[in-house]
Protein backbone atom coordinates (compact mmCIF):
# COMPACT_ATOMS: atom_id res chain seq x y z
CA MET A 1 211.34 -11.92 193.64
CA PHE A 2 212.73 -8.37 193.89
CA THR A 3 213.52 -8.48 197.58
CA ALA A 4 216.07 -5.69 197.25
CA PRO A 5 216.46 -2.63 195.05
CA ALA A 6 219.70 -4.09 193.65
CA ARG A 7 217.90 -7.16 192.27
CA LEU A 8 215.25 -5.05 190.55
CA PHE A 9 217.84 -2.70 189.11
CA ARG A 10 220.08 -5.52 187.86
CA SER A 11 217.15 -7.36 186.23
CA LEU A 12 216.02 -4.36 184.23
CA ALA A 13 219.59 -3.28 183.38
CA ILE A 14 220.16 -6.72 181.84
CA ALA A 15 216.75 -6.68 180.11
CA GLU A 16 217.59 -3.28 178.61
CA ALA A 17 220.89 -4.63 177.25
CA ILE A 18 219.13 -7.68 175.80
CA THR A 19 216.59 -5.50 174.00
CA TRP A 20 219.43 -3.42 172.55
CA THR A 21 220.72 -6.68 171.06
CA LEU A 22 217.26 -7.41 169.62
CA LEU A 23 217.02 -3.94 168.12
CA ILE A 24 220.53 -3.93 166.63
CA GLY A 25 219.98 -7.44 165.25
CA ALA A 26 216.69 -6.33 163.69
CA LEU A 27 218.36 -3.32 162.08
CA ILE A 28 221.05 -5.57 160.62
CA ALA A 29 218.38 -7.98 159.41
CA ARG A 30 216.47 -5.14 157.72
CA ALA A 31 219.67 -3.99 156.01
CA SER A 32 220.11 -7.57 154.80
CA GLY A 33 216.73 -7.49 153.09
CA ILE A 34 214.54 -9.11 155.74
CA ASP A 35 211.05 -7.69 156.26
CA PRO A 36 211.23 -4.31 158.11
CA LEU A 37 208.51 -5.61 160.44
CA VAL A 38 211.30 -7.15 162.55
CA VAL A 39 212.51 -3.63 163.40
CA THR A 40 208.99 -2.61 164.37
CA ILE A 41 208.65 -5.60 166.70
CA ALA A 42 212.14 -5.33 168.20
CA GLY A 43 211.77 -1.55 168.49
CA GLY A 44 208.47 -1.94 170.30
CA ILE A 45 209.93 -4.42 172.77
CA HIS A 46 212.99 -2.25 173.28
CA GLY A 47 210.86 0.87 173.77
CA PHE A 48 208.71 -0.78 176.41
CA VAL A 49 211.74 -2.12 178.32
CA PHE A 50 213.46 1.29 177.95
CA LEU A 51 210.50 3.01 179.61
CA SER A 52 210.33 0.29 182.28
CA TYR A 53 214.02 0.74 183.04
CA GLY A 54 213.55 4.50 183.32
CA ALA A 55 210.60 4.13 185.70
CA MET A 56 212.51 1.62 187.81
CA ALA A 57 215.61 3.85 187.90
CA ILE A 58 213.48 6.74 189.18
CA LEU A 59 211.90 4.49 191.83
CA VAL A 60 215.26 3.16 193.01
CA ALA A 61 216.85 6.62 192.90
CA ILE A 62 214.15 8.02 195.18
CA HIS A 63 214.27 5.01 197.49
CA GLN A 64 218.06 4.94 197.72
CA ARG A 65 218.22 8.75 198.04
CA TRP A 66 220.62 9.25 195.17
CA ASN A 67 221.63 12.78 194.32
CA PRO A 68 220.13 14.08 191.06
CA GLY A 69 223.38 13.61 189.10
CA VAL A 70 223.55 9.90 189.93
CA ALA A 71 219.86 9.46 189.10
CA ILE A 72 220.25 11.21 185.74
CA LEU A 73 223.32 9.12 184.92
CA ALA A 74 221.46 5.90 185.76
CA ILE A 75 218.50 6.87 183.57
CA ALA A 76 220.67 8.21 180.73
CA SER A 77 222.65 4.96 180.62
CA ALA A 78 219.68 3.39 178.81
CA VAL A 79 220.22 5.69 175.82
CA ILE A 80 223.67 4.25 175.04
CA PRO A 81 223.64 0.61 173.91
CA TYR A 82 224.68 -1.74 176.72
CA ALA A 83 225.58 1.12 179.10
CA THR A 84 223.07 -0.06 181.71
CA ILE A 85 225.39 -2.96 182.59
CA PRO A 86 228.46 -0.85 183.52
CA ALA A 87 226.12 1.65 185.21
CA GLU A 88 224.67 -1.14 187.37
CA ILE A 89 228.15 -2.44 188.21
CA TRP A 90 229.29 1.06 189.21
CA LEU A 91 226.17 1.70 191.31
CA HIS A 92 226.60 -1.67 193.01
CA ARG A 93 230.32 -1.21 193.72
CA SER A 94 229.80 2.32 195.01
CA GLY A 95 227.17 1.06 197.49
CA ARG A 96 224.30 2.97 195.90
CA LEU A 97 222.27 -0.23 195.50
CA ALA A 98 223.04 -1.56 198.98
CA GLY A 99 220.36 -2.55 201.44
CA SER A 100 216.85 -3.80 201.28
CA TRP A 101 213.60 -1.95 200.75
CA ARG A 102 212.94 0.48 203.61
CA LEU A 103 209.58 -0.73 204.88
CA VAL A 104 209.58 0.91 208.32
CA GLN A 105 210.29 4.44 209.46
CA THR A 106 213.63 4.96 211.20
CA ASP A 107 215.04 7.83 213.25
CA ASP A 108 216.40 9.36 210.05
CA PRO A 109 214.53 12.68 209.57
CA ARG A 110 214.26 11.96 205.85
CA ASP A 111 211.94 9.06 206.66
CA ALA A 112 209.30 11.53 207.83
CA ARG A 113 208.97 13.22 204.43
CA TRP A 114 205.63 12.73 202.69
CA PHE A 115 207.07 10.88 199.71
CA ASP A 116 209.03 8.50 201.95
CA ARG A 117 205.82 7.67 203.80
CA LEU A 118 204.08 7.19 200.45
CA MET A 119 206.95 5.00 199.22
CA ARG A 120 206.66 2.78 202.31
CA TRP A 121 202.89 2.53 201.82
CA PHE A 122 203.41 1.35 198.23
CA LEU A 123 206.26 -0.98 199.17
CA HIS A 124 203.89 -2.74 201.57
CA ARG A 125 201.56 -3.17 198.58
CA PRO A 126 203.95 -4.11 195.76
CA TRP A 127 201.20 -5.25 193.39
CA VAL A 128 199.53 -1.85 193.63
CA LEU A 129 202.86 -0.13 192.97
CA ALA A 130 203.63 -2.44 190.04
CA ALA A 131 200.17 -1.91 188.56
CA LEU A 132 200.45 1.89 188.79
CA ILE A 133 203.92 1.91 187.27
CA LEU A 134 202.78 -0.43 184.51
CA LEU A 135 199.76 1.78 183.83
CA ALA A 136 201.99 4.86 183.61
CA ILE A 137 204.42 3.07 181.27
CA VAL A 138 201.61 1.86 179.01
CA ALA A 139 200.08 5.36 178.90
CA LEU A 140 203.44 6.95 178.03
CA TYR A 141 204.12 4.21 175.48
CA ALA A 142 200.74 4.87 173.82
CA VAL A 143 201.44 8.60 173.66
CA LEU A 144 204.85 7.93 172.10
CA LEU A 145 203.32 5.53 169.56
CA VAL A 146 200.86 8.23 168.51
CA ALA A 147 203.72 10.74 168.25
CA GLY A 148 205.56 8.37 165.92
CA PRO A 149 208.97 6.73 165.77
CA PRO A 150 212.18 8.61 166.56
CA GLY A 151 213.34 10.47 163.47
CA GLY A 152 209.93 10.35 161.78
CA SER A 153 208.30 7.66 159.72
CA ARG A 154 210.67 8.03 156.77
């Protein structure tokens, strides 16, 4: 399904934009007198996709060897409504999403680094990688739920 980093990035960039629409629509609905539960549901969905996008951006940034500024920009684009779409277009056009997953070591000296070897090991076992990322996202999501919503409860 996600045979290339670009496909994974594009999928979650679009999902993040869709959840912004859900959240904004729920806020408008609440202001119109509809049960505030819609904001809780839309906010929960958006929060989970937001964290998923962030985790995926970190994974792709490491894999594609982006400099820290590009990685931070890609992650920060999720904070601004709909900004993940222009960020994905820019990353694609600038060639930062080019290529497939690096599954074998090349002559590039960077391929010998411990985290590149670990990345290749996980990329050969995508279900293990997905499960670990999902576990980390759920754990972070639970911690954030305990901490409470942004801006406090009221």
